[in-house]
C-alpha atoms as a PDB file:
ATOM      1  CA  MET A   1     -21.023   2.519   0.047  1.00  0.00           C
ATOM      2  CA  GLY A   2     -23.212   3.671  -3.129  1.00  0.00           C
ATOM      3  CA  LYS A   3     -24.130   1.230  -6.287  1.00  0.00           C
ATOM      4  CA  ARG A   4     -22.948  -2.575  -5.867  1.00  0.00           C
ATOM      5  CA  ILE A   5     -21.666  -2.919  -9.653  1.00  0.00           C
ATOM      6  CA  GLY A   6     -20.265  -5.917 -10.677  1.00  0.00           C
ATOM      7  CA  PHE A   7     -16.825  -5.857 -13.135  1.00  0.00           C
ATOM      8  CA  VAL A   8     -16.443  -8.768 -14.859  1.00  0.00           C
ATOM      9  CA  LEU A   9     -12.947  -9.218 -15.937  1.00  0.00           C
ATOM     10  CA  SER A  10     -11.311 -11.686 -18.632  1.00  0.00           C
ATOM     11  CA  GLY A  11      -7.670 -11.697 -16.729  1.00  0.00           C
ATOM     12  CA  ALA A  12      -5.156  -9.323 -17.633  1.00  0.00           C
ATOM     13  CA  GLY A  13      -3.292  -8.019 -20.436  1.00  0.00           C
ATOM     14  CA  VAL A  14      -4.980  -6.898 -23.586  1.00  0.00           C
ATOM     15  CA  PHE A  15      -4.100  -9.405 -25.590  1.00  0.00           C
ATOM     16  CA  ASP A  16      -5.166 -12.505 -23.839  1.00  0.00           C
ATOM     17  CA  GLY A  17      -7.479 -11.110 -20.898  1.00  0.00           C
ATOM     18  CA  ALA A  18      -8.544  -7.177 -19.665  1.00  0.00           C
ATOM     19  CA  GLU A  19      -7.755  -3.640 -21.006  1.00  0.00           C
ATOM     20  CA  LEU A  20      -5.560  -2.634 -18.687  1.00  0.00           C
ATOM     21  CA  HIS A  21      -6.039   0.804 -19.231  1.00  0.00           C
ATOM     22  CA  GLU A  22     -10.126   0.716 -19.884  1.00  0.00           C
ATOM     23  CA  SER A  23     -10.119  -1.379 -16.190  1.00  0.00           C
ATOM     24  CA  VAL A  24      -8.077   1.015 -14.729  1.00  0.00           C
ATOM     25  CA  LEU A  25     -10.388   3.782 -16.257  1.00  0.00           C
ATOM     26  CA  CYS A  26     -13.695   2.357 -14.949  1.00  0.00           C
ATOM     27  CA  LEU A  27     -12.619   1.487 -10.989  1.00  0.00           C
ATOM     28  CA  LEU A  28     -11.883   5.105 -11.162  1.00  0.00           C
ATOM     29  CA  ALA A  29     -14.687   6.513 -12.459  1.00  0.00           C
ATOM     30  CA  LEU A  30     -16.532   3.662 -10.602  1.00  0.00           C
ATOM     31  CA  ASP A  31     -14.419   4.632  -6.797  1.00  0.00           C
ATOM     32  CA  ARG A  32     -15.225   8.549  -7.457  1.00  0.00           C
ATOM     33  CA  GLY A  33     -19.066   7.283  -7.207  1.00  0.00           C
ATOM     34  CA  ASP A  34     -18.584   6.085  -4.238  1.00  0.00           C
ATOM     35  CA  ALA A  35     -19.409   2.560  -5.740  1.00  0.00           C
ATOM     36  CA  GLU A  36     -19.247  -0.369  -4.456  1.00  0.00           C
ATOM     37  CA  VAL A  37     -16.988  -3.027  -6.848  1.00  0.00           C
ATOM     38  CA  ILE A  38     -17.824  -6.929  -6.455  1.00  0.00           C
ATOM     39  CA  PHE A  39     -14.987  -7.873  -9.209  1.00  0.00           C
ATOM     40  CA  MET A  40     -15.851 -11.648 -10.659  1.00  0.00           C
ATOM     41  CA  ALA A  41     -14.174 -13.425 -13.076  1.00  0.00           C
ATOM     42  CA  PRO A  42     -14.654 -17.073 -15.243  1.00  0.00           C
ATOM     43  CA  ASP A  43     -12.744 -19.974 -12.564  1.00  0.00           C
ATOM     44  CA  LYS A  44     -11.594 -21.510 -15.848  1.00  0.00           C
ATOM     45  CA  ASP A  45      -8.086 -20.878 -17.752  1.00  0.00           C
ATOM     46  CA  GLN A  46      -7.177 -18.068 -21.253  1.00  0.00           C
ATOM     47  CA  PHE A  47      -7.837 -19.367 -23.531  1.00  0.00           C
ATOM     48  CA  HIS A  48      -4.252 -18.775 -24.192  1.00  0.00           C
ATOM     49  CA  VAL A  49      -1.580 -16.921 -23.082  1.00  0.00           C
ATOM     50  CA  VAL A  50       0.200 -13.896 -24.758  1.00  0.00           C
ATOM     51  CA  ASP A  51       3.103 -12.858 -23.848  1.00  0.00           C
ATOM     52  CA  HIS A  52       3.535  -9.117 -24.583  1.00  0.00           C
ATOM     53  CA  GLN A  53       7.023  -8.285 -24.752  1.00  0.00           C
ATOM     54  CA  SER A  54       6.954  -9.777 -28.057  1.00  0.00           C
ATOM     55  CA  GLY A  55       3.287 -10.019 -28.797  1.00  0.00           C
ATOM     56  CA  THR A  56       3.186 -13.460 -29.491  1.00  0.00           C
ATOM     57  CA  PRO A  57       1.197 -16.691 -28.445  1.00  0.00           C
ATOM     58  CA  ALA A  58       3.874 -18.392 -25.257  1.00  0.00           C
ATOM     59  CA  GLU A  59       3.727 -22.004 -26.243  1.00  0.00           C
ATOM     60  CA  GLY A  60       2.860 -23.875 -23.353  1.00  0.00           C
ATOM     61  CA  GLU A  61       2.115 -22.158 -21.043  1.00  0.00           C
ATOM     62  CA  ARG A  62      -1.161 -21.938 -19.095  1.00  0.00           C
ATOM     63  CA  ARG A  63      -3.194 -19.179 -17.054  1.00  0.00           C
ATOM     64  CA  SER A  64      -6.383 -18.776 -15.005  1.00  0.00           C
ATOM     65  CA  VAL A  65      -8.541 -16.102 -15.911  1.00  0.00           C
ATOM     66  CA  LEU A  66      -9.989 -16.272 -12.510  1.00  0.00           C
ATOM     67  CA  SER A  67      -5.635 -15.444 -11.463  1.00  0.00           C
ATOM     68  CA  GLU A  68      -5.126 -13.302 -13.670  1.00  0.00           C
ATOM     69  CA  ALA A  69      -7.532 -11.232 -12.822  1.00  0.00           C
ATOM     70  CA  ALA A  70      -7.113 -10.877  -9.118  1.00  0.00           C
ATOM     71  CA  ARG A  71      -3.393  -9.077  -9.933  1.00  0.00           C
ATOM     72  CA  LEU A  72      -5.903  -6.398 -11.654  1.00  0.00           C
ATOM     73  CA  ALA A  73      -8.146  -5.852  -8.437  1.00  0.00           C
ATOM     74  CA  ARG A  74      -5.638  -6.460  -5.682  1.00  0.00           C
ATOM     75  CA  GLY A  75      -6.905  -8.727  -4.629  1.00  0.00           C
ATOM     76  CA  PRO A  76      -9.168 -11.932  -4.524  1.00  0.00           C
ATOM     77  CA  VAL A  77     -11.892 -12.275  -6.821  1.00  0.00           C
ATOM     78  CA  ARG A  78     -15.894 -14.240  -7.223  1.00  0.00           C
ATOM     79  CA  PRO A  79     -16.118 -16.687  -9.181  1.00  0.00           C
ATOM     80  CA  LEU A  80     -19.021 -16.051 -12.530  1.00  0.00           C
ATOM     81  CA  ALA A  81     -20.633 -19.422 -11.388  1.00  0.00           C
ATOM     82  CA  GLU A  82     -20.971 -18.007  -8.027  1.00  0.00           C
ATOM     83  CA  VAL A  83     -22.563 -14.583  -8.620  1.00  0.00           C
ATOM     84  CA  SER A  84     -26.176 -13.912  -8.380  1.00  0.00           C
ATOM     85  CA  ALA A  85     -28.355 -11.239  -9.543  1.00  0.00           C
ATOM     86  CA  ASP A  86     -29.560 -10.596  -7.030  1.00  0.00           C
ATOM     87  CA  GLU A  87     -26.097  -8.902  -5.029  1.00  0.00           C
ATOM     88  CA  VAL A  88     -25.580  -6.629  -7.751  1.00  0.00           C
ATOM     89  CA  ASP A  89     -27.480  -3.287  -8.616  1.00  0.00           C
ATOM     90  CA  ALA A  90     -25.698  -3.665 -12.498  1.00  0.00           C
ATOM     91  CA  ILE A  91     -23.097  -4.686 -14.407  1.00  0.00           C
ATOM     92  CA  LEU A  92     -20.293  -3.229 -15.837  1.00  0.00           C
ATOM     93  CA  MET A  93     -18.107  -5.433 -18.297  1.00  0.00           C
ATOM     94  CA  PRO A  94     -14.143  -3.879 -19.417  1.00  0.00           C
ATOM     95  CA  GLY A  95     -13.136  -4.506 -23.057  1.00  0.00           C
ATOM     96  CA  GLY A  96      -9.880  -6.692 -23.938  1.00  0.00           C
ATOM     97  CA  PHE A  97      -9.151  -9.415 -26.268  1.00  0.00           C
ATOM     98  CA  GLY A  98      -9.783 -11.554 -23.243  1.00  0.00           C
ATOM     99  CA  ALA A  99     -13.334 -10.499 -24.105  1.00  0.00           C
ATOM    100  CA  ALA A 100     -13.319 -11.916 -26.563  1.00  0.00           C
ATOM    101  CA  LYS A 101     -11.030 -15.286 -26.244  1.00  0.00           C
ATOM    102  CA  ASN A 102     -11.754 -16.559 -22.226  1.00  0.00           C
ATOM    103  CA  LEU A 103     -15.486 -14.550 -21.605  1.00  0.00           C
ATOM    104  CA  SER A 104     -16.872 -16.002 -25.282  1.00  0.00           C
ATOM    105  CA  THR A 105     -15.254 -17.122 -28.738  1.00  0.00           C
ATOM    106  CA  TRP A 106     -15.711 -13.992 -30.572  1.00  0.00           C
ATOM    107  CA  ALA A 107     -11.933 -13.445 -31.876  1.00  0.00           C
ATOM    108  CA  PHE A 108     -12.487 -16.609 -33.494  1.00  0.00           C
ATOM    109  CA  SER A 109     -16.206 -17.162 -34.762  1.00  0.00           C
ATOM    110  CA  GLY A 110     -17.987 -13.863 -34.367  1.00  0.00           C
ATOM    111  CA  ALA A 111     -21.760 -13.704 -34.176  1.00  0.00           C
ATOM    112  CA  ALA A 112     -21.455 -17.505 -34.456  1.00  0.00           C
ATOM    113  CA  GLY A 113     -19.191 -18.011 -31.256  1.00  0.00           C
ATOM    114  CA  GLU A 114     -20.416 -18.431 -28.341  1.00  0.00           C
ATOM    115  CA  VAL A 115     -20.351 -17.153 -24.216  1.00  0.00           C
ATOM    116  CA  ASP A 116     -18.897 -18.530 -21.624  1.00  0.00           C
ATOM    117  CA  GLY A 117     -21.885 -20.292 -19.560  1.00  0.00           C
ATOM    118  CA  ASP A 118     -21.825 -18.774 -16.205  1.00  0.00           C
ATOM    119  CA  LEU A 119     -21.258 -15.317 -17.623  1.00  0.00           C
ATOM    120  CA  GLN A 120     -24.299 -15.331 -20.058  1.00  0.00           C
ATOM    121  CA  ARG A 121     -26.506 -16.432 -16.968  1.00  0.00           C
ATOM    122  CA  LEU A 122     -25.364 -13.531 -14.826  1.00  0.00           C
ATOM    123  CA  LEU A 123     -26.371 -11.369 -17.395  1.00  0.00           C
ATOM    124  CA  GLY A 124     -29.064 -13.068 -18.165  1.00  0.00           C
ATOM    125  CA  ALA A 125     -30.223 -12.918 -14.786  1.00  0.00           C
ATOM    126  CA  VAL A 126     -29.164  -9.398 -14.938  1.00  0.00           C
ATOM    127  CA  HIS A 127     -31.183  -8.478 -17.620  1.00  0.00           C
ATOM    128  CA  GLY A 128     -34.303 -10.333 -16.253  1.00  0.00           C
ATOM    129  CA  GLN A 129     -34.059  -7.940 -13.513  1.00  0.00           C
ATOM    130  CA  GLY A 130     -34.243  -4.955 -15.100  1.00  0.00           C
ATOM    131  CA  LYS A 131     -30.755  -3.877 -13.783  1.00  0.00           C
ATOM    132  CA  TRP A 132     -28.958  -2.252 -16.159  1.00  0.00           C
ATOM    133  CA  ILE A 133     -24.973  -3.563 -18.036  1.00  0.00           C
ATOM    134  CA  ALA A 134     -22.198  -2.040 -19.700  1.00  0.00           C
ATOM    135  CA  ALA A 135     -20.017  -2.600 -21.545  1.00  0.00           C
ATOM    136  CA  CYS A 136     -16.674  -1.253 -23.663  1.00  0.00           C
ATOM    137  CA  CYS A 137     -14.377  -1.971 -26.251  1.00  0.00           C
ATOM    138  CA  ILE A 138     -14.719  -4.871 -27.643  1.00  0.00           C
ATOM    139  CA  ALA A 139     -17.040  -7.102 -24.743  1.00  0.00           C
ATOM    140  CA  PRO A 140     -20.684  -4.982 -26.412  1.00  0.00           C
ATOM    141  CA  ALA A 141     -20.151  -7.461 -29.004  1.00  0.00           C
ATOM    142  CA  ILE A 142     -21.239 -10.928 -25.896  1.00  0.00           C
ATOM    143  CA  LEU A 143     -23.955  -7.924 -25.143  1.00  0.00           C
ATOM    144  CA  ALA A 144     -25.287  -8.034 -28.973  1.00  0.00           C
ATOM    145  CA  ARG A 145     -24.131 -12.245 -28.840  1.00  0.00           C
ATOM    146  CA  VAL A 146     -26.320 -12.779 -25.774  1.00  0.00           C
ATOM    147  CA  PHE A 147     -29.629  -9.784 -26.565  1.00  0.00           C
ATOM    148  CA  GLY A 148     -28.476 -10.147 -29.995  1.00  0.00           C
ATOM    149  CA  GLY A 149     -32.354 -11.813 -31.093  1.00  0.00           C
ATOM    150  CA  ASP A 150     -33.787  -8.616 -28.813  1.00  0.00           C
ATOM    151  CA  GLY A 151     -32.825  -5.948 -30.920  1.00  0.00           C
ATOM    152  CA  VAL A 152     -30.760  -4.194 -28.473  1.00  0.00           C
ATOM    153  CA  LYS A 153     -28.407  -1.896 -29.517  1.00  0.00           C
ATOM    154  CA  VAL A 154     -24.726  -1.517 -28.829  1.00  0.00           C
ATOM    155  CA  THR A 155     -21.469   0.386 -30.265  1.00  0.00           C
ATOM    156  CA  LEU A 156     -17.840  -1.466 -31.392  1.00  0.00           C
ATOM    157  CA  GLY A 157     -17.370   2.446 -32.473  1.00  0.00           C
ATOM    158  CA  THR A 158     -17.025   2.672 -36.214  1.00  0.00           C
ATOM    159  CA  SER A 159     -15.870  -0.005 -38.408  1.00  0.00           C
ATOM    160  CA  ASP A 160     -18.735  -1.256 -41.159  1.00  0.00           C
ATOM    161  CA  GLN A 161     -16.732  -4.983 -41.144  1.00  0.00           C
ATOM    162  CA  ASP A 162     -17.500  -4.560 -37.084  1.00  0.00           C
ATOM    163  CA  ALA A 163     -21.380  -3.796 -37.360  1.00  0.00           C
ATOM    164  CA  ALA A 164     -22.210  -5.501 -39.917  1.00  0.00           C
ATOM    165  CA  GLU A 165     -20.668  -8.404 -37.825  1.00  0.00           C
ATOM    166  CA  VAL A 166     -22.984  -7.344 -34.798  1.00  0.00           C
ATOM    167  CA  GLU A 167     -26.051  -7.070 -36.962  1.00  0.00           C
ATOM    168  CA  LYS A 168     -25.792 -10.454 -38.056  1.00  0.00           C
ATOM    169  CA  THR A 169     -26.969 -11.125 -33.801  1.00  0.00           C
ATOM    170  CA  GLY A 170     -29.731  -9.379 -34.709  1.00  0.00           C
ATOM    171  CA  ALA A 171     -28.903  -6.947 -32.497  1.00  0.00           C
ATOM    172  CA  GLN A 172     -28.850  -2.772 -34.000  1.00  0.00           C
ATOM    173  CA  HIS A 173     -24.759  -1.331 -34.003  1.00  0.00           C
ATOM    174  CA  GLU A 174     -25.034   2.364 -33.780  1.00  0.00           C
ATOM    175  CA  ARG A 175     -21.765   4.149 -34.386  1.00  0.00           C
ATOM    176  CA  CYS A 176     -20.245   6.118 -31.666  1.00  0.00           C
ATOM    177  CA  SER A 177     -16.171   8.369 -32.057  1.00  0.00           C
ATOM    178  CA  VAL A 178     -14.566   7.955 -28.581  1.00  0.00           C
ATOM    179  CA  GLU A 179     -16.018   9.776 -26.449  1.00  0.00           C
ATOM    180  CA  GLN A 180     -19.722   8.965 -27.661  1.00  0.00           C
ATOM    181  CA  VAL A 181     -21.612   6.237 -25.705  1.00  0.00           C
ATOM    182  CA  CYS A 182     -24.531   4.686 -26.522  1.00  0.00           C
ATOM    183  CA  ILE A 183     -27.844   4.251 -24.781  1.00  0.00           C
ATOM    184  CA  ASP A 184     -30.710   2.268 -25.192  1.00  0.00           C
ATOM    185  CA  GLU A 185     -32.750   2.792 -22.813  1.00  0.00           C
ATOM    186  CA  GLU A 186     -35.133   0.007 -23.610  1.00  0.00           C
ATOM    187  CA  HIS A 187     -33.006  -3.096 -23.107  1.00  0.00           C
ATOM    188  CA  ARG A 188     -30.637  -0.471 -20.292  1.00  0.00           C
ATOM    189  CA  LEU A 189     -27.662  -1.533 -22.052  1.00  0.00           C
ATOM    190  CA  ILE A 190     -24.512   1.055 -22.061  1.00  0.00           C
ATOM    191  CA  THR A 191     -21.666   0.656 -23.948  1.00  0.00           C
ATOM    192  CA  THR A 192     -18.581   3.017 -25.476  1.00  0.00           C
ATOM    193  CA  PRO A 193     -15.758   1.913 -28.075  1.00  0.00           C
ATOM    194  CA  ALA A 194     -12.916   2.553 -26.114  1.00  0.00           C
ATOM    195  CA  TYR A 195     -10.190   1.064 -27.498  1.00  0.00           C
ATOM    196  CA  MET A 196     -11.775   0.381 -30.578  1.00  0.00           C
ATOM    197  CA  GLU A 197     -11.454   3.870 -31.670  1.00  0.00           C
ATOM    198  CA  ALA A 198      -8.996   4.982 -29.603  1.00  0.00           C
ATOM    199  CA  ALA A 199      -5.269   6.186 -30.618  1.00  0.00           C
ATOM    200  CA  ARG A 200      -4.365   6.557 -26.481  1.00  0.00           C
ATOM    201  CA  ILE A 201      -5.084   5.978 -22.703  1.00  0.00           C
ATOM    202  CA  ARG A 202      -6.024  10.203 -22.477  1.00  0.00           C
ATOM    203  CA  GLU A 203      -8.356   9.264 -25.848  1.00  0.00           C
ATOM    204  CA  LEU A 204     -10.529   6.810 -23.105  1.00  0.00           C
ATOM    205  CA  GLU A 205     -11.245   8.585 -19.759  1.00  0.00           C
ATOM    206  CA  PRO A 206     -14.385  11.120 -21.485  1.00  0.00           C
ATOM    207  CA  GLY A 207     -16.305   8.268 -22.975  1.00  0.00           C
ATOM    208  CA  ILE A 208     -15.305   5.595 -19.734  1.00  0.00           C
ATOM    209  CA  SER A 209     -16.218   8.021 -17.400  1.00  0.00           C
ATOM    210  CA  ASP A 210     -19.840   9.253 -19.327  1.00  0.00           C
ATOM    211  CA  MET A 211     -19.828   5.861 -19.403  1.00  0.00           C
ATOM    212  CA  VAL A 212     -19.888   5.318 -15.881  1.00  0.00           C
ATOM    213  CA  GLY A 213     -21.444   8.557 -15.021  1.00  0.00           C
ATOM    214  CA  HIS A 214     -24.786   7.397 -16.996  1.00  0.00           C
ATOM    215  CA  LEU A 215     -24.526   3.513 -15.448  1.00  0.00           C
ATOM    216  CA  LEU A 216     -24.658   4.818 -11.899  1.00  0.00           C
ATOM    217  CA  ARG A 217     -27.256   6.863 -12.367  1.00  0.00           C
ATOM    218  CA  LEU A 218     -29.372   4.603 -14.170  1.00  0.00           C
ATOM    219  CA  ALA A 219     -28.697   1.668 -11.793  1.00  0.00           C
END
């Protein structure tokens, strides 16, 4: 196999976990690049469970982020706490509300929110080793929250409101359409808007494939 890519999942399902379309397109692009994918996720309960039929929270229901991520991965997923930066050549994070609810509290607190401690540790260690990190959709907000003090550059698309919130972290926001990618060469970050801008699945593929292509080339 080729590059070892740590694939960070936040569950399975757009409203309470990892976005499925984005995840699958990322995985397809990684497979086409002969990457070795190392699936990982926090070993904790989701913030809440959303009934995707009705779009409303399922009262009293609990699900494990790790177990839900395994549905998407089609097999076992590594707990984030057990993963070392030495095991990967790069990190990739798809979006979905899980990134903003389970991997962080961005959905509730924006720039003032927190990032899962195990994820923050891993991202910091990967970054400290000079390795590349890619993220799409809302997941770049996590990079802004973790590395904003360094003045990193990311994109969440074209929304002025999202840009303003990102810039509260100290990060720079670059306006990008769905097919574009934002590359911060100095800090080794690659981001693309995905469903922050897309209206249908076919609009996702160009930006995601470009993001993954750059990641595999640079990692």
